[in-house]
Amino acid sequence: MLYISSVEKRFGDRAVLSAVSLRVEAGEYVAIVGESGVGKSTLLNIIAGLEAPDAGEVLFEGARLNDLDDDALTLLRRDRFGFVFQAFHVLPHLTVEQNVGLPLLLRSFPPGKIKESSLKILNSVGLATRENSMPRELSGGELQRVAIARALVGNPKLVLADEPTGNLDQENARQVLALLREQVKAHGAAGILVTHSEAAAATCDRRYLLTGTGLAPL
């Protein structure tokens, strides 16, 4: 599914990533742990094709991301990837249902299919009665559930989560982490959770520590 081989990245004189290699198969949920500034988000950006590595390669479903142009990478992210961030990035002027359905709208799905898929995933994340709510009416935990629903509504093959519980209290964090794992597994996606939290990483199948010399199993 996803294969990262000997990836390196520098910003000026500073080496951010060095000799990073990882393989993630469909249905696997993997945690990458590390302190702030160690390069976790940079690694996610490289996996997503938002940044190019200085060395090494990233392959997704057999395609070498290094060889794809910007248009091809944009389509790959739109059609095959799902993203969950620390900041919810829920659009304040859209309803919950409209926020969740946005990825399908961008892919020109028929309105009926967008509504059907949005309501189905909202039900699966425990927001079946909130489809007409505005984001300002939701709690932080509910907003992150919306973000998870939006990431998964298009049945992505790879889910990338960057500190998804960083803005949540302990109980909401626990619920969101359980939900994220459950939904990644239910969709048969490959999932990568980037976090500084050992508790968050413990919800994953495998855990790795990111350091200046690469990834080490935990």
N, C-alpha and C. Protein backbone atom coordinates (compact mmCIF):
# COMPACT_ATOMS: atom_id res chain seq x y z
N MET A 1 0.83 -1.20 0.00
CA MET A 1 0.00 0.00 0.00
C MET A 1 0.87 1.26 0.00
N LEU A 2 1.60 1.51 1.13
CA LEU A 2 2.48 2.67 1.25
C LEU A 2 3.88 2.19 1.60
N TYR A 3 4.86 2.67 0.82
CA TYR A 3 6.24 2.26 1.05
C TYR A 3 7.12 3.51 1.00
N ILE A 4 7.81 3.77 2.09
CA ILE A 4 8.72 4.90 2.20
C ILE A 4 10.13 4.34 2.33
N SER A 5 11.02 4.81 1.48
CA SER A 5 12.37 4.24 1.46
C SER A 5 13.42 5.33 1.55
N SER A 6 14.18 5.31 2.66
CA SER A 6 15.38 6.15 2.85
C SER A 6 15.13 7.63 2.56
N VAL A 7 14.00 8.13 3.06
CA VAL A 7 13.65 9.53 2.80
C VAL A 7 14.50 10.47 3.65
N GLU A 8 14.99 11.53 3.00
CA GLU A 8 15.75 12.57 3.68
C GLU A 8 15.19 13.94 3.30
N LYS A 9 15.26 14.87 4.25
CA LYS A 9 14.80 16.22 3.99
C LYS A 9 15.62 17.21 4.80
N ARG A 10 16.07 18.27 4.12
CA ARG A 10 16.84 19.32 4.77
C ARG A 10 16.16 20.66 4.52
N PHE A 11 16.29 21.54 5.49
CA PHE A 11 15.90 22.93 5.33
C PHE A 11 17.14 23.77 5.59
N GLY A 12 17.75 24.25 4.53
CA GLY A 12 19.03 24.94 4.68
C GLY A 12 20.10 23.98 5.16
N ASP A 13 20.76 24.35 6.25
CA ASP A 13 21.81 23.49 6.81
C ASP A 13 21.28 22.46 7.80
N ARG A 14 19.98 22.50 8.06
CA ARG A 14 19.42 21.63 9.10
C ARG A 14 18.79 20.38 8.48
N ALA A 15 19.28 19.21 8.89
CA ALA A 15 18.70 17.95 8.45
C ALA A 15 17.49 17.65 9.32
N VAL A 16 16.29 17.60 8.69
CA VAL A 16 15.06 17.35 9.43
C VAL A 16 14.73 15.87 9.44
N LEU A 17 14.87 15.22 8.31
CA LEU A 17 14.62 13.78 8.21
C LEU A 17 15.84 13.10 7.62
N SER A 18 16.17 11.93 8.17
CA SER A 18 17.33 11.20 7.69
C SER A 18 17.04 9.71 7.68
N ALA A 19 17.17 9.10 6.51
CA ALA A 19 17.05 7.65 6.36
C ALA A 19 15.75 7.10 6.93
N VAL A 20 14.62 7.75 6.61
CA VAL A 20 13.32 7.30 7.11
C VAL A 20 12.72 6.28 6.15
N SER A 21 12.46 5.09 6.66
CA SER A 21 11.84 4.02 5.86
C SER A 21 10.68 3.42 6.64
N LEU A 22 9.60 3.09 5.91
CA LEU A 22 8.40 2.55 6.56
C LEU A 22 7.52 1.90 5.50
N ARG A 23 6.87 0.81 5.90
CA ARG A 23 5.87 0.16 5.05
C ARG A 23 4.57 0.03 5.84
N VAL A 24 3.46 0.43 5.24
CA VAL A 24 2.14 0.32 5.86
C VAL A 24 1.19 -0.32 4.87
N GLU A 25 0.53 -1.38 5.30
CA GLU A 25 -0.41 -2.09 4.44
C GLU A 25 -1.85 -1.68 4.74
N ALA A 26 -2.75 -2.03 3.84
CA ALA A 26 -4.17 -1.74 4.04
C ALA A 26 -4.65 -2.37 5.34
N GLY A 27 -5.41 -1.61 6.11
CA GLY A 27 -5.94 -2.11 7.37
C GLY A 27 -5.02 -1.90 8.55
N GLU A 28 -3.78 -1.46 8.32
CA GLU A 28 -2.85 -1.21 9.41
C GLU A 28 -2.95 0.24 9.89
N TYR A 29 -2.80 0.41 11.18
CA TYR A 29 -2.87 1.74 11.80
C TYR A 29 -1.57 1.93 12.57
N VAL A 30 -0.76 2.87 12.12
CA VAL A 30 0.62 3.02 12.60
C VAL A 30 0.79 4.39 13.24
N ALA A 31 1.50 4.43 14.37
CA ALA A 31 1.80 5.69 15.05
C ALA A 31 3.26 6.06 14.83
N ILE A 32 3.49 7.34 14.58
CA ILE A 32 4.84 7.91 14.54
C ILE A 32 4.92 8.92 15.66
N VAL A 33 5.80 8.64 16.63
CA VAL A 33 5.91 9.45 17.85
C VAL A 33 7.19 10.26 17.80
N GLY A 34 7.11 11.46 18.33
CA GLY A 34 8.31 12.28 18.40
C GLY A 34 8.00 13.63 19.01
N GLU A 35 9.03 14.28 19.53
CA GLU A 35 8.85 15.59 20.13
C GLU A 35 8.57 16.64 19.05
N SER A 36 8.08 17.80 19.47
CA SER A 36 7.84 18.90 18.54
C SER A 36 9.15 19.29 17.85
N GLY A 37 9.07 19.51 16.55
CA GLY A 37 10.23 19.95 15.79
C GLY A 37 11.10 18.85 15.24
N VAL A 38 10.74 17.58 15.51
CA VAL A 38 11.59 16.48 15.06
C VAL A 38 11.35 16.14 13.60
N GLY A 39 10.25 16.65 13.02
CA GLY A 39 10.00 16.39 11.60
C GLY A 39 8.78 15.56 11.30
N LYS A 40 7.90 15.36 12.29
CA LYS A 40 6.72 14.52 12.07
C LYS A 40 5.80 15.08 10.99
N SER A 41 5.49 16.37 11.10
CA SER A 41 4.60 16.97 10.11
C SER A 41 5.26 17.04 8.74
N THR A 42 6.57 17.27 8.72
CA THR A 42 7.29 17.27 7.44
C THR A 42 7.19 15.91 6.77
N LEU A 43 7.31 14.84 7.56
CA LEU A 43 7.18 13.49 7.00
C LEU A 43 5.79 13.27 6.43
N LEU A 44 4.75 13.71 7.16
CA LEU A 44 3.39 13.58 6.63
C LEU A 44 3.23 14.36 5.33
N ASN A 45 3.81 15.55 5.27
CA ASN A 45 3.72 16.35 4.05
C ASN A 45 4.38 15.66 2.87
N ILE A 46 5.48 14.97 3.12
CA ILE A 46 6.16 14.23 2.06
C ILE A 46 5.32 13.04 1.62
N ILE A 47 4.73 12.32 2.59
CA ILE A 47 3.87 11.20 2.26
C ILE A 47 2.69 11.66 1.41
N ALA A 48 2.16 12.85 1.74
CA ALA A 48 1.00 13.39 1.02
C ALA A 48 1.37 14.06 -0.29
N GLY A 49 2.65 14.14 -0.60
CA GLY A 49 3.07 14.79 -1.83
C GLY A 49 3.02 16.30 -1.79
N LEU A 50 2.94 16.87 -0.59
CA LEU A 50 2.92 18.32 -0.44
C LEU A 50 4.34 18.89 -0.44
N GLU A 51 5.30 18.07 -0.08
CA GLU A 51 6.71 18.43 -0.15
C GLU A 51 7.46 17.28 -0.80
N ALA A 52 8.54 17.60 -1.49
CA ALA A 52 9.36 16.57 -2.13
C ALA A 52 10.55 16.24 -1.24
N PRO A 53 10.89 14.97 -1.10
CA PRO A 53 12.09 14.63 -0.33
C PRO A 53 13.35 15.02 -1.09
N ASP A 54 14.41 15.27 -0.36
CA ASP A 54 15.70 15.55 -0.99
C ASP A 54 16.37 14.27 -1.46
N ALA A 55 16.01 13.17 -0.83
CA ALA A 55 16.53 11.86 -1.22
C ALA A 55 15.51 10.81 -0.80
N GLY A 56 15.60 9.63 -1.40
CA GLY A 56 14.65 8.57 -1.09
C GLY A 56 13.39 8.67 -1.93
N GLU A 57 12.43 7.79 -1.65
CA GLU A 57 11.21 7.77 -2.45
C GLU A 57 10.01 7.35 -1.62
N VAL A 58 8.83 7.73 -2.11
CA VAL A 58 7.55 7.34 -1.52
C VAL A 58 6.72 6.69 -2.61
N LEU A 59 6.27 5.46 -2.35
CA LEU A 59 5.40 4.75 -3.29
C LEU A 59 4.06 4.51 -2.63
N PHE A 60 2.99 4.81 -3.36
CA PHE A 60 1.63 4.55 -2.87
C PHE A 60 0.88 3.77 -3.94
N GLU A 61 0.42 2.59 -3.56
CA GLU A 61 -0.27 1.69 -4.49
C GLU A 61 0.53 1.50 -5.78
N GLY A 62 1.84 1.42 -5.61
CA GLY A 62 2.73 1.15 -6.73
C GLY A 62 3.18 2.37 -7.49
N ALA A 63 2.56 3.53 -7.23
CA ALA A 63 2.95 4.75 -7.94
C ALA A 63 4.03 5.48 -7.15
N ARG A 64 5.07 5.91 -7.83
CA ARG A 64 6.17 6.63 -7.20
C ARG A 64 5.82 8.11 -7.17
N LEU A 65 5.56 8.64 -5.97
CA LEU A 65 5.13 10.03 -5.87
C LEU A 65 6.14 10.99 -6.43
N ASN A 66 7.42 10.66 -6.33
CA ASN A 66 8.48 11.52 -6.86
C ASN A 66 8.29 11.80 -8.34
N ASP A 67 7.63 10.88 -9.07
CA ASP A 67 7.49 11.00 -10.52
C ASP A 67 6.21 11.71 -10.94
N LEU A 68 5.31 12.01 -10.00
CA LEU A 68 4.02 12.62 -10.35
C LEU A 68 4.12 14.14 -10.39
N ASP A 69 3.42 14.76 -11.33
CA ASP A 69 3.40 16.22 -11.38
C ASP A 69 2.36 16.76 -10.39
N ASP A 70 2.27 18.07 -10.28
CA ASP A 70 1.39 18.69 -9.29
C ASP A 70 -0.07 18.30 -9.49
N ASP A 71 -0.52 18.25 -10.74
CA ASP A 71 -1.92 17.90 -11.01
C ASP A 71 -2.22 16.47 -10.57
N ALA A 72 -1.32 15.56 -10.87
CA ALA A 72 -1.52 14.16 -10.48
C ALA A 72 -1.51 14.01 -8.97
N LEU A 73 -0.64 14.73 -8.29
CA LEU A 73 -0.59 14.67 -6.83
C LEU A 73 -1.86 15.25 -6.21
N THR A 74 -2.38 16.33 -6.80
CA THR A 74 -3.62 16.91 -6.30
C THR A 74 -4.77 15.93 -6.41
N LEU A 75 -4.87 15.24 -7.54
CA LEU A 75 -5.93 14.25 -7.72
C LEU A 75 -5.75 13.07 -6.77
N LEU A 76 -4.52 12.67 -6.53
CA LEU A 76 -4.25 11.58 -5.61
C LEU A 76 -4.72 11.94 -4.20
N ARG A 77 -4.38 13.14 -3.75
CA ARG A 77 -4.81 13.58 -2.43
C ARG A 77 -6.34 13.67 -2.35
N ARG A 78 -6.95 14.17 -3.41
CA ARG A 78 -8.40 14.35 -3.41
C ARG A 78 -9.15 13.02 -3.38
N ASP A 79 -8.67 12.07 -4.18
CA ASP A 79 -9.42 10.83 -4.39
C ASP A 79 -9.01 9.68 -3.48
N ARG A 80 -7.76 9.69 -2.97
CA ARG A 80 -7.26 8.49 -2.28
C ARG A 80 -6.84 8.73 -0.84
N PHE A 81 -6.68 10.01 -0.45
CA PHE A 81 -6.18 10.32 0.89
C PHE A 81 -7.28 10.99 1.72
N GLY A 82 -7.19 10.81 3.03
CA GLY A 82 -8.02 11.53 3.98
C GLY A 82 -7.13 12.15 5.04
N PHE A 83 -7.46 13.37 5.46
CA PHE A 83 -6.61 14.11 6.39
C PHE A 83 -7.39 14.54 7.63
N VAL A 84 -6.76 14.37 8.80
CA VAL A 84 -7.31 14.86 10.06
C VAL A 84 -6.21 15.64 10.76
N PHE A 85 -6.51 16.88 11.15
CA PHE A 85 -5.50 17.76 11.72
C PHE A 85 -5.84 18.12 13.17
N GLN A 86 -4.84 18.72 13.85
CA GLN A 86 -5.08 19.21 15.20
C GLN A 86 -6.12 20.33 15.19
N ALA A 87 -5.97 21.28 14.28
CA ALA A 87 -7.00 22.30 14.06
C ALA A 87 -8.06 21.66 13.17
N PHE A 88 -9.31 21.81 13.54
CA PHE A 88 -10.37 21.02 12.89
C PHE A 88 -10.56 21.39 11.42
N HIS A 89 -10.29 22.65 11.06
CA HIS A 89 -10.46 23.13 9.69
C HIS A 89 -11.87 22.88 9.17
N VAL A 90 -12.86 23.03 10.06
CA VAL A 90 -14.26 22.94 9.66
C VAL A 90 -14.70 24.32 9.21
N LEU A 91 -15.34 24.41 8.06
CA LEU A 91 -15.72 25.72 7.51
C LEU A 91 -16.92 26.28 8.28
N PRO A 92 -16.80 27.46 8.88
CA PRO A 92 -17.81 27.97 9.80
C PRO A 92 -19.13 28.32 9.16
N HIS A 93 -19.15 28.61 7.85
CA HIS A 93 -20.37 29.04 7.18
C HIS A 93 -21.15 27.88 6.56
N LEU A 94 -20.65 26.66 6.70
CA LEU A 94 -21.34 25.47 6.19
C LEU A 94 -21.90 24.65 7.33
N THR A 95 -23.00 23.96 7.09
CA THR A 95 -23.54 23.05 8.09
C THR A 95 -22.63 21.85 8.25
N VAL A 96 -22.89 21.06 9.27
CA VAL A 96 -22.12 19.84 9.49
C VAL A 96 -22.19 18.94 8.26
N GLU A 97 -23.38 18.73 7.74
CA GLU A 97 -23.54 17.88 6.57
C GLU A 97 -22.78 18.42 5.37
N GLN A 98 -22.84 19.73 5.16
CA GLN A 98 -22.13 20.34 4.03
C GLN A 98 -20.62 20.22 4.19
N ASN A 99 -20.12 20.39 5.41
CA ASN A 99 -18.70 20.22 5.65
C ASN A 99 -18.25 18.81 5.32
N VAL A 100 -19.01 17.83 5.78
CA VAL A 100 -18.64 16.43 5.56
C VAL A 100 -18.70 16.08 4.07
N GLY A 101 -19.69 16.61 3.37
CA GLY A 101 -19.87 16.26 1.97
C GLY A 101 -18.94 16.99 1.01
N LEU A 102 -18.18 17.96 1.52
CA LEU A 102 -17.34 18.78 0.64
C LEU A 102 -16.38 17.98 -0.22
N PRO A 103 -15.67 16.96 0.31
CA PRO A 103 -14.77 16.19 -0.57
C PRO A 103 -15.49 15.53 -1.74
N LEU A 104 -16.72 15.10 -1.52
CA LEU A 104 -17.48 14.47 -2.61
C LEU A 104 -17.97 15.51 -3.61
N LEU A 105 -18.31 16.70 -3.11
CA LEU A 105 -18.70 17.79 -4.00
C LEU A 105 -17.54 18.16 -4.93
N LEU A 106 -16.33 18.19 -4.39
CA LEU A 106 -15.16 18.52 -5.19
C LEU A 106 -14.87 17.44 -6.24
N ARG A 107 -15.39 16.24 -5.99
CA ARG A 107 -15.21 15.14 -6.94
C ARG A 107 -16.43 14.99 -7.86
N SER A 108 -17.34 15.98 -7.80
CA SER A 108 -18.52 16.04 -8.70
C SER A 108 -19.46 14.86 -8.52
N PHE A 109 -19.60 14.36 -7.28
CA PHE A 109 -20.59 13.34 -7.01
C PHE A 109 -21.99 13.95 -7.14
N PRO A 110 -23.01 13.16 -7.51
CA PRO A 110 -24.38 13.67 -7.57
C PRO A 110 -24.86 14.10 -6.18
N PRO A 111 -25.69 15.15 -6.11
CA PRO A 111 -26.17 15.63 -4.81
C PRO A 111 -26.78 14.55 -3.92
N GLY A 112 -27.56 13.66 -4.52
CA GLY A 112 -28.19 12.60 -3.73
C GLY A 112 -27.17 11.67 -3.10
N LYS A 113 -26.12 11.36 -3.85
CA LYS A 113 -25.07 10.48 -3.33
C LYS A 113 -24.28 11.19 -2.24
N ILE A 114 -24.03 12.50 -2.41
CA ILE A 114 -23.32 13.26 -1.38
C ILE A 114 -24.10 13.25 -0.08
N LYS A 115 -25.39 13.49 -0.15
CA LYS A 115 -26.23 13.51 1.05
C LYS A 115 -26.27 12.13 1.71
N GLU A 116 -26.47 11.10 0.90
CA GLU A 116 -26.53 9.73 1.44
C GLU A 116 -25.23 9.35 2.14
N SER A 117 -24.10 9.62 1.50
CA SER A 117 -22.81 9.25 2.07
C SER A 117 -22.50 10.08 3.32
N SER A 118 -22.85 11.36 3.29
CA SER A 118 -22.58 12.24 4.44
C SER A 118 -23.38 11.80 5.66
N LEU A 119 -24.66 11.51 5.46
CA LEU A 119 -25.49 11.10 6.58
C LEU A 119 -25.05 9.75 7.13
N LYS A 120 -24.61 8.86 6.26
CA LYS A 120 -24.16 7.55 6.70
C LYS A 120 -22.92 7.66 7.57
N ILE A 121 -21.94 8.46 7.14
CA ILE A 121 -20.71 8.57 7.94
C ILE A 121 -20.96 9.37 9.20
N LEU A 122 -21.85 10.36 9.16
CA LEU A 122 -22.18 11.10 10.38
C LEU A 122 -22.81 10.17 11.42
N ASN A 123 -23.64 9.25 10.97
CA ASN A 123 -24.22 8.28 11.88
C ASN A 123 -23.13 7.41 12.51
N SER A 124 -22.14 7.04 11.72
CA SER A 124 -21.09 6.14 12.21
C SER A 124 -20.16 6.82 13.21
N VAL A 125 -20.10 8.16 13.19
CA VAL A 125 -19.25 8.88 14.16
C VAL A 125 -20.08 9.49 15.28
N GLY A 126 -21.35 9.10 15.37
CA GLY A 126 -22.17 9.53 16.49
C GLY A 126 -22.76 10.92 16.37
N LEU A 127 -22.93 11.40 15.14
CA LEU A 127 -23.49 12.74 14.93
C LEU A 127 -24.73 12.70 14.03
N ALA A 128 -25.52 11.65 14.18
CA ALA A 128 -26.66 11.44 13.29
C ALA A 128 -27.69 12.54 13.36
N THR A 129 -27.78 13.24 14.49
CA THR A 129 -28.81 14.27 14.64
C THR A 129 -28.27 15.68 14.48
N ARG A 130 -27.01 15.80 14.10
CA ARG A 130 -26.38 17.13 14.04
C ARG A 130 -26.09 17.60 12.62
N GLU A 131 -26.68 16.97 11.63
CA GLU A 131 -26.31 17.30 10.25
C GLU A 131 -26.64 18.74 9.86
N ASN A 132 -27.67 19.32 10.49
CA ASN A 132 -28.05 20.70 10.15
C ASN A 132 -27.44 21.74 11.09
N SER A 133 -26.64 21.30 12.04
CA SER A 133 -26.00 22.21 12.98
C SER A 133 -24.89 23.00 12.30
N MET A 134 -24.63 24.19 12.82
CA MET A 134 -23.49 24.98 12.37
C MET A 134 -22.30 24.68 13.29
N PRO A 135 -21.08 24.79 12.80
CA PRO A 135 -19.91 24.47 13.61
C PRO A 135 -19.86 25.19 14.96
N ARG A 136 -20.34 26.43 15.02
CA ARG A 136 -20.30 27.18 16.28
C ARG A 136 -21.17 26.54 17.36
N GLU A 137 -22.06 25.65 16.97
CA GLU A 137 -22.96 25.00 17.92
C GLU A 137 -22.38 23.70 18.48
N LEU A 138 -21.20 23.32 18.03
CA LEU A 138 -20.60 22.04 18.40
C LEU A 138 -19.44 22.23 19.36
N SER A 139 -19.21 21.20 20.18
CA SER A 139 -18.05 21.18 21.07
C SER A 139 -16.80 20.81 20.29
N GLY A 140 -15.63 20.94 20.93
CA GLY A 140 -14.39 20.56 20.28
C GLY A 140 -14.36 19.11 19.87
N GLY A 141 -14.84 18.24 20.75
CA GLY A 141 -14.88 16.81 20.42
C GLY A 141 -15.79 16.53 19.25
N GLU A 142 -16.92 17.22 19.18
CA GLU A 142 -17.85 17.03 18.07
C GLU A 142 -17.24 17.56 16.76
N LEU A 143 -16.53 18.68 16.84
CA LEU A 143 -15.89 19.22 15.65
C LEU A 143 -14.84 18.25 15.10
N GLN A 144 -14.11 17.59 15.99
CA GLN A 144 -13.13 16.63 15.50
C GLN A 144 -13.81 15.40 14.90
N ARG A 145 -14.98 15.05 15.41
CA ARG A 145 -15.75 13.97 14.79
C ARG A 145 -16.19 14.36 13.39
N VAL A 146 -16.57 15.61 13.22
CA VAL A 146 -16.91 16.10 11.89
C VAL A 146 -15.69 15.99 10.97
N ALA A 147 -14.53 16.38 11.48
CA ALA A 147 -13.31 16.31 10.68
C ALA A 147 -12.99 14.87 10.28
N ILE A 148 -13.20 13.93 11.19
CA ILE A 148 -12.96 12.51 10.88
C ILE A 148 -13.95 12.03 9.82
N ALA A 149 -15.22 12.42 9.99
CA ALA A 149 -16.23 12.04 9.00
C ALA A 149 -15.89 12.58 7.62
N ARG A 150 -15.45 13.83 7.57
CA ARG A 150 -15.08 14.45 6.29
C ARG A 150 -13.89 13.73 5.66
N ALA A 151 -12.92 13.32 6.50
CA ALA A 151 -11.74 12.63 5.99
C ALA A 151 -12.08 11.27 5.41
N LEU A 152 -13.14 10.63 5.93
CA LEU A 152 -13.44 9.25 5.55
C LEU A 152 -14.62 9.11 4.59
N VAL A 153 -15.35 10.20 4.33
CA VAL A 153 -16.58 10.08 3.54
C VAL A 153 -16.32 9.55 2.14
N GLY A 154 -15.15 9.84 1.59
CA GLY A 154 -14.83 9.39 0.24
C GLY A 154 -14.13 8.05 0.17
N ASN A 155 -14.14 7.30 1.29
CA ASN A 155 -13.49 5.99 1.37
C ASN A 155 -12.03 6.04 0.92
N PRO A 156 -11.22 6.87 1.57
CA PRO A 156 -9.80 6.97 1.19
C PRO A 156 -9.05 5.68 1.49
N LYS A 157 -7.97 5.49 0.79
CA LYS A 157 -7.12 4.32 1.02
C LYS A 157 -6.00 4.61 2.01
N LEU A 158 -5.74 5.90 2.27
CA LEU A 158 -4.72 6.29 3.23
C LEU A 158 -5.25 7.45 4.06
N VAL A 159 -5.21 7.29 5.39
CA VAL A 159 -5.66 8.34 6.30
C VAL A 159 -4.44 8.86 7.07
N LEU A 160 -4.21 10.16 7.02
CA LEU A 160 -3.09 10.80 7.69
C LEU A 160 -3.64 11.71 8.78
N ALA A 161 -3.27 11.44 10.03
CA ALA A 161 -3.77 12.21 11.17
C ALA A 161 -2.59 12.88 11.88
N ASP A 162 -2.63 14.20 11.94
CA ASP A 162 -1.54 14.99 12.53
C ASP A 162 -2.00 15.59 13.84
N GLU A 163 -1.57 15.00 14.96
CA GLU A 163 -1.93 15.47 16.31
C GLU A 163 -3.43 15.74 16.42
N PRO A 164 -4.30 14.76 16.09
CA PRO A 164 -5.74 15.04 16.00
C PRO A 164 -6.41 15.35 17.34
N THR A 165 -5.72 15.08 18.46
CA THR A 165 -6.35 15.34 19.76
C THR A 165 -5.65 16.47 20.51
N GLY A 166 -4.79 17.21 19.82
CA GLY A 166 -4.01 18.25 20.48
C GLY A 166 -4.84 19.35 21.10
N ASN A 167 -6.05 19.59 20.58
CA ASN A 167 -6.90 20.66 21.10
C ASN A 167 -8.04 20.15 21.97
N LEU A 168 -7.97 18.89 22.39
CA LEU A 168 -9.07 18.27 23.12
C LEU A 168 -8.68 17.94 24.56
N ASP A 169 -9.70 17.92 25.43
CA ASP A 169 -9.45 17.47 26.80
C ASP A 169 -9.27 15.96 26.81
N GLN A 170 -8.91 15.41 27.96
CA GLN A 170 -8.52 14.00 28.04
C GLN A 170 -9.64 13.06 27.62
N GLU A 171 -10.87 13.30 28.08
CA GLU A 171 -11.97 12.41 27.76
C GLU A 171 -12.34 12.49 26.29
N ASN A 172 -12.42 13.71 25.75
CA ASN A 172 -12.73 13.84 24.33
C ASN A 172 -11.61 13.24 23.48
N ALA A 173 -10.37 13.41 23.92
CA ALA A 173 -9.24 12.82 23.20
C ALA A 173 -9.37 11.30 23.16
N ARG A 174 -9.73 10.72 24.29
CA ARG A 174 -9.88 9.26 24.35
C ARG A 174 -10.96 8.79 23.37
N GLN A 175 -12.08 9.49 23.35
CA GLN A 175 -13.18 9.10 22.47
C GLN A 175 -12.82 9.27 21.00
N VAL A 176 -12.16 10.37 20.67
CA VAL A 176 -11.78 10.63 19.28
C VAL A 176 -10.75 9.62 18.80
N LEU A 177 -9.79 9.27 19.65
CA LEU A 177 -8.79 8.28 19.25
C LEU A 177 -9.40 6.91 19.00
N ALA A 178 -10.34 6.52 19.86
CA ALA A 178 -11.03 5.25 19.67
C ALA A 178 -11.84 5.27 18.38
N LEU A 179 -12.50 6.39 18.12
CA LEU A 179 -13.31 6.53 16.92
C LEU A 179 -12.44 6.50 15.67
N LEU A 180 -11.33 7.19 15.70
CA LEU A 180 -10.44 7.24 14.54
C LEU A 180 -9.93 5.86 14.20
N ARG A 181 -9.48 5.12 15.21
CA ARG A 181 -9.02 3.75 14.97
C ARG A 181 -10.15 2.89 14.39
N GLU A 182 -11.30 2.98 15.02
CA GLU A 182 -12.45 2.19 14.59
C GLU A 182 -12.80 2.46 13.13
N GLN A 183 -12.80 3.73 12.74
CA GLN A 183 -13.20 4.09 11.39
C GLN A 183 -12.12 3.73 10.36
N VAL A 184 -10.85 3.90 10.71
CA VAL A 184 -9.79 3.48 9.79
C VAL A 184 -9.90 1.98 9.51
N LYS A 185 -10.13 1.21 10.56
CA LYS A 185 -10.26 -0.23 10.41
C LYS A 185 -11.51 -0.59 9.59
N ALA A 186 -12.62 0.09 9.89
CA ALA A 186 -13.88 -0.20 9.20
C ALA A 186 -13.78 0.06 7.70
N HIS A 187 -12.98 1.05 7.32
CA HIS A 187 -12.84 1.38 5.91
C HIS A 187 -11.71 0.61 5.23
N GLY A 188 -10.97 -0.19 5.99
CA GLY A 188 -9.88 -0.96 5.41
C GLY A 188 -8.77 -0.09 4.87
N ALA A 189 -8.62 1.09 5.45
CA ALA A 189 -7.59 2.02 4.98
C ALA A 189 -6.27 1.76 5.70
N ALA A 190 -5.19 2.26 5.13
CA ALA A 190 -3.94 2.37 5.86
C ALA A 190 -3.99 3.69 6.62
N GLY A 191 -3.61 3.68 7.89
CA GLY A 191 -3.68 4.87 8.70
C GLY A 191 -2.34 5.19 9.35
N ILE A 192 -1.98 6.47 9.36
CA ILE A 192 -0.77 6.93 10.05
C ILE A 192 -1.16 8.05 11.00
N LEU A 193 -0.89 7.85 12.27
CA LEU A 193 -1.14 8.84 13.31
C LEU A 193 0.19 9.42 13.75
N VAL A 194 0.34 10.74 13.61
CA VAL A 194 1.54 11.43 14.07
C VAL A 194 1.19 12.13 15.38
N THR A 195 1.99 11.90 16.42
CA THR A 195 1.65 12.41 17.74
C THR A 195 2.88 12.50 18.64
N HIS A 196 2.81 13.34 19.65
CA HIS A 196 3.82 13.34 20.69
C HIS A 196 3.32 12.58 21.92
N SER A 197 2.06 12.11 21.86
CA SER A 197 1.41 11.48 23.00
C SER A 197 1.58 9.96 22.97
N GLU A 198 2.16 9.41 24.02
CA GLU A 198 2.28 7.95 24.14
C GLU A 198 0.91 7.29 24.24
N ALA A 199 -0.03 7.96 24.93
CA ALA A 199 -1.37 7.41 25.08
C ALA A 199 -2.06 7.31 23.73
N ALA A 200 -1.91 8.33 22.90
CA ALA A 200 -2.50 8.29 21.56
C ALA A 200 -1.85 7.19 20.73
N ALA A 201 -0.54 7.09 20.79
CA ALA A 201 0.18 6.08 20.01
C ALA A 201 -0.22 4.66 20.42
N ALA A 202 -0.59 4.49 21.67
CA ALA A 202 -0.95 3.15 22.17
C ALA A 202 -2.21 2.61 21.51
N THR A 203 -3.00 3.46 20.84
CA THR A 203 -4.21 2.98 20.16
C THR A 203 -3.90 2.36 18.80
N CYS A 204 -2.65 2.42 18.38
CA CYS A 204 -2.27 1.95 17.04
C CYS A 204 -1.72 0.53 17.09
N ASP A 205 -1.65 -0.08 15.92
CA ASP A 205 -1.13 -1.45 15.81
C ASP A 205 0.38 -1.51 15.99
N ARG A 206 1.07 -0.53 15.44
CA ARG A 206 2.52 -0.44 15.55
C ARG A 206 2.90 0.99 15.88
N ARG A 207 4.02 1.13 16.60
CA ARG A 207 4.49 2.46 17.00
C ARG A 207 5.96 2.61 16.64
N TYR A 208 6.31 3.81 16.16
CA TYR A 208 7.68 4.10 15.80
C TYR A 208 8.08 5.44 16.41
N LEU A 209 9.34 5.54 16.82
CA LEU A 209 9.90 6.79 17.32
C LEU A 209 10.71 7.43 16.18
N LEU A 210 10.37 8.68 15.87
CA LEU A 210 11.09 9.42 14.84
C LEU A 210 12.22 10.20 15.51
N THR A 211 13.44 9.95 15.04
CA THR A 211 14.61 10.67 15.54
C THR A 211 15.42 11.17 14.36
N GLY A 212 16.53 11.80 14.63
CA GLY A 212 17.39 12.30 13.57
C GLY A 212 18.05 11.23 12.75
N THR A 213 17.96 9.98 13.19
CA THR A 213 18.57 8.87 12.46
C THR A 213 17.55 7.95 11.81
N GLY A 214 16.27 8.34 11.83
CA GLY A 214 15.25 7.54 11.18
C GLY A 214 14.14 7.13 12.11
N LEU A 215 13.45 6.03 11.76
CA LEU A 215 12.35 5.50 12.57
C LEU A 215 12.81 4.25 13.29
N ALA A 216 12.50 4.19 14.60
CA ALA A 216 12.84 3.02 15.40
C ALA A 216 11.58 2.46 16.02
N PRO A 217 11.34 1.13 15.94
CA PRO A 217 10.14 0.54 16.54
C PRO A 217 10.11 0.75 18.04
N LEU A 218 8.91 0.95 18.58
CA LEU A 218 8.71 1.06 20.02
C LEU A 218 8.04 -0.19 20.55
